[in-house]
Amino acid sequence: MLRIDELLKNWEDPDIAEYYLACLLGLTKYDTTYDEFRRTKGLYWTKNDVGDSLFEFLERLVALRVLEKDEDSRYRWNSDFDAYWLNPEIKSARSNRD
């Protein structure tokens, strides 16, 4: 299963970050050769509703501090973000506290 924290563990250019989001949302297929990215690059490199929405979502994740953005406009997962729901053991422990 694809996870955003794993896909964006390193700094990635906006088009690759948008591609990862598109894969996570089921808009395109994920592959490690980036053939699918090259096939769909117009989605990320041109002005269109879907590509613009993917970019806006990245920016919203930065505003929420889920992602970090550097001075070169690259994105990565914010390792300080408390994503307890990604770890079943932590989620179970938190639910038992209530």
C-alpha atoms as a PDB file:
ATOM      1  CA  MET A   1       0.000   0.000   0.000  1.00  0.00           C
ATOM      2  CA  LEU A   2       1.303   3.435  -0.923  1.00  0.00           C
ATOM      3  CA  ARG A   3       1.844   5.926   1.891  1.00  0.00           C
ATOM      4  CA  ILE A   4       2.590   9.601   1.519  1.00  0.00           C
ATOM      5  CA  ASP A   5       5.149   9.567   4.329  1.00  0.00           C
ATOM      6  CA  GLU A   6       7.156   6.930   2.457  1.00  0.00           C
ATOM      7  CA  LEU A   7       6.770   8.449  -1.014  1.00  0.00           C
ATOM      8  CA  LEU A   8       7.825  11.905   0.207  1.00  0.00           C
ATOM      9  CA  LYS A   9      10.555  10.858   2.637  1.00  0.00           C
ATOM     10  CA  ASN A  10      13.081  12.806   0.517  1.00  0.00           C
ATOM     11  CA  TRP A  11      12.800  16.229  -1.069  1.00  0.00           C
ATOM     12  CA  GLU A  12      10.826  15.988  -4.328  1.00  0.00           C
ATOM     13  CA  ASP A  13      10.096  18.517  -7.053  1.00  0.00           C
ATOM     14  CA  PRO A  14       6.479  19.711  -7.240  1.00  0.00           C
ATOM     15  CA  ASP A  15       5.638  17.646 -10.315  1.00  0.00           C
ATOM     16  CA  ILE A  16       6.800  14.417  -8.675  1.00  0.00           C
ATOM     17  CA  ALA A  17       4.975  15.295  -5.443  1.00  0.00           C
ATOM     18  CA  GLU A  18       1.805  15.940  -7.477  1.00  0.00           C
ATOM     19  CA  TYR A  19       2.314  12.604  -9.270  1.00  0.00           C
ATOM     20  CA  TYR A  20       2.528  10.831  -5.907  1.00  0.00           C
ATOM     21  CA  LEU A  21      -0.707  12.488  -4.772  1.00  0.00           C
ATOM     22  CA  ALA A  22      -2.389  11.493  -8.030  1.00  0.00           C
ATOM     23  CA  CYS A  23      -1.283   7.897  -7.431  1.00  0.00           C
ATOM     24  CA  LEU A  24      -2.550   7.929  -3.852  1.00  0.00           C
ATOM     25  CA  LEU A  25      -5.912   9.245  -5.039  1.00  0.00           C
ATOM     26  CA  GLY A  26      -6.174   6.601  -7.749  1.00  0.00           C
ATOM     27  CA  LEU A  27      -5.973   9.125 -10.596  1.00  0.00           C
ATOM     28  CA  THR A  28      -3.000   7.345 -12.166  1.00  0.00           C
ATOM     29  CA  LYS A  29      -0.919   4.226 -11.621  1.00  0.00           C
ATOM     30  CA  TYR A  30       2.251   4.209  -9.558  1.00  0.00           C
ATOM     31  CA  ASP A  31       5.389   2.664 -10.963  1.00  0.00           C
ATOM     32  CA  THR A  32       9.008   2.876  -9.877  1.00  0.00           C
ATOM     33  CA  THR A  33      10.237   3.437 -13.454  1.00  0.00           C
ATOM     34  CA  TYR A  34       8.294   6.726 -13.715  1.00  0.00           C
ATOM     35  CA  ASP A  35       6.884   5.645 -17.091  1.00  0.00           C
ATOM     36  CA  GLU A  36       3.393   6.543 -15.871  1.00  0.00           C
ATOM     37  CA  PHE A  37       4.665   9.906 -14.638  1.00  0.00           C
ATOM     38  CA  ARG A  38       6.128  10.646 -18.070  1.00  0.00           C
ATOM     39  CA  ARG A  39       2.881   9.538 -19.716  1.00  0.00           C
ATOM     40  CA  THR A  40       0.810  11.879 -17.508  1.00  0.00           C
ATOM     41  CA  LYS A  41       3.297  14.753 -17.082  1.00  0.00           C
ATOM     42  CA  GLY A  42       0.970  17.176 -18.859  1.00  0.00           C
ATOM     43  CA  LEU A  43      -1.302  16.885 -15.845  1.00  0.00           C
ATOM     44  CA  TYR A  44       1.418  18.370 -13.613  1.00  0.00           C
ATOM     45  CA  TRP A  45       3.114  20.735 -16.070  1.00  0.00           C
ATOM     46  CA  THR A  46       0.128  22.557 -17.546  1.00  0.00           C
ATOM     47  CA  LYS A  47      -2.665  24.675 -16.126  1.00  0.00           C
ATOM     48  CA  ASN A  48      -5.700  22.421 -15.619  1.00  0.00           C
ATOM     49  CA  ASP A  49      -8.234  21.818 -12.864  1.00  0.00           C
ATOM     50  CA  VAL A  50      -6.824  18.492 -11.678  1.00  0.00           C
ATOM     51  CA  GLY A  51      -3.182  19.580 -11.703  1.00  0.00           C
ATOM     52  CA  ASP A  52      -4.051  22.870 -10.008  1.00  0.00           C
ATOM     53  CA  SER A  53      -5.998  20.990  -7.332  1.00  0.00           C
ATOM     54  CA  LEU A  54      -3.078  18.637  -6.678  1.00  0.00           C
ATOM     55  CA  PHE A  55      -0.784  21.644  -6.267  1.00  0.00           C
ATOM     56  CA  GLU A  56      -3.259  23.387  -3.953  1.00  0.00           C
ATOM     57  CA  PHE A  57      -3.527  20.221  -1.872  1.00  0.00           C
ATOM     58  CA  LEU A  58       0.271  20.089  -1.501  1.00  0.00           C
ATOM     59  CA  GLU A  59       0.246  23.700  -0.351  1.00  0.00           C
ATOM     60  CA  ARG A  60      -2.538  22.962   2.142  1.00  0.00           C
ATOM     61  CA  LEU A  61      -0.507  20.067   3.550  1.00  0.00           C
ATOM     62  CA  VAL A  62       2.410  22.483   3.979  1.00  0.00           C
ATOM     63  CA  ALA A  63       0.144  24.962   5.787  1.00  0.00           C
ATOM     64  CA  LEU A  64      -0.976  22.144   8.100  1.00  0.00           C
ATOM     65  CA  ARG A  65       2.697  21.205   8.627  1.00  0.00           C
ATOM     66  CA  VAL A  66       2.108  17.701   7.283  1.00  0.00           C
ATOM     67  CA  LEU A  67       4.679  18.458   4.574  1.00  0.00           C
ATOM     68  CA  GLU A  68       7.693  20.719   4.467  1.00  0.00           C
ATOM     69  CA  LYS A  69       8.594  22.961   1.531  1.00  0.00           C
ATOM     70  CA  ASP A  70      12.119  24.226   0.918  1.00  0.00           C
ATOM     71  CA  GLU A  71      13.449  27.331  -0.813  1.00  0.00           C
ATOM     72  CA  ASP A  72      13.560  25.412  -4.116  1.00  0.00           C
ATOM     73  CA  SER A  73       9.815  24.649  -3.816  1.00  0.00           C
ATOM     74  CA  ARG A  74      10.444  20.959  -3.181  1.00  0.00           C
ATOM     75  CA  TYR A  75       8.274  18.958  -0.805  1.00  0.00           C
ATOM     76  CA  ARG A  76       8.904  16.239   1.743  1.00  0.00           C
ATOM     77  CA  TRP A  77       7.106  14.597   4.639  1.00  0.00           C
ATOM     78  CA  ASN A  78       7.483  16.501   7.908  1.00  0.00           C
ATOM     79  CA  SER A  79       9.029  13.907  10.203  1.00  0.00           C
ATOM     80  CA  ASP A  80       7.860  15.950  13.207  1.00  0.00           C
ATOM     81  CA  PHE A  81       4.211  15.626  12.168  1.00  0.00           C
ATOM     82  CA  ASP A  82       2.300  13.429  14.613  1.00  0.00           C
ATOM     83  CA  ALA A  83       0.771  10.881  12.255  1.00  0.00           C
ATOM     84  CA  TYR A  84      -0.215   8.392  14.934  1.00  0.00           C
ATOM     85  CA  TRP A  85      -2.883   6.838  12.717  1.00  0.00           C
ATOM     86  CA  LEU A  86      -0.170   5.488  10.398  1.00  0.00           C
ATOM     87  CA  ASN A  87       1.110   3.207  13.157  1.00  0.00           C
ATOM     88  CA  PRO A  88      -1.519   0.672  14.328  1.00  0.00           C
ATOM     89  CA  GLU A  89       0.248   0.114  17.669  1.00  0.00           C
ATOM     90  CA  ILE A  90       0.158   3.802  18.548  1.00  0.00           C
ATOM     91  CA  LYS A  91      -3.428   4.142  17.330  1.00  0.00           C
ATOM     92  CA  SER A  92      -4.471   1.233  19.541  1.00  0.00           C
ATOM     93  CA  ALA A  93      -2.668   2.705  22.548  1.00  0.00           C
ATOM     94  CA  ARG A  94      -4.297   6.112  22.018  1.00  0.00           C
ATOM     95  CA  SER A  95      -7.785   4.639  21.700  1.00  0.00           C
ATOM     96  CA  ASN A  96      -7.280   2.724  24.953  1.00  0.00           C
ATOM     97  CA  ARG A  97      -6.563   5.986  26.808  1.00  0.00           C
ATOM     98  CA  ASP A  98     -10.079   7.299  26.269  1.00  0.00           C
END
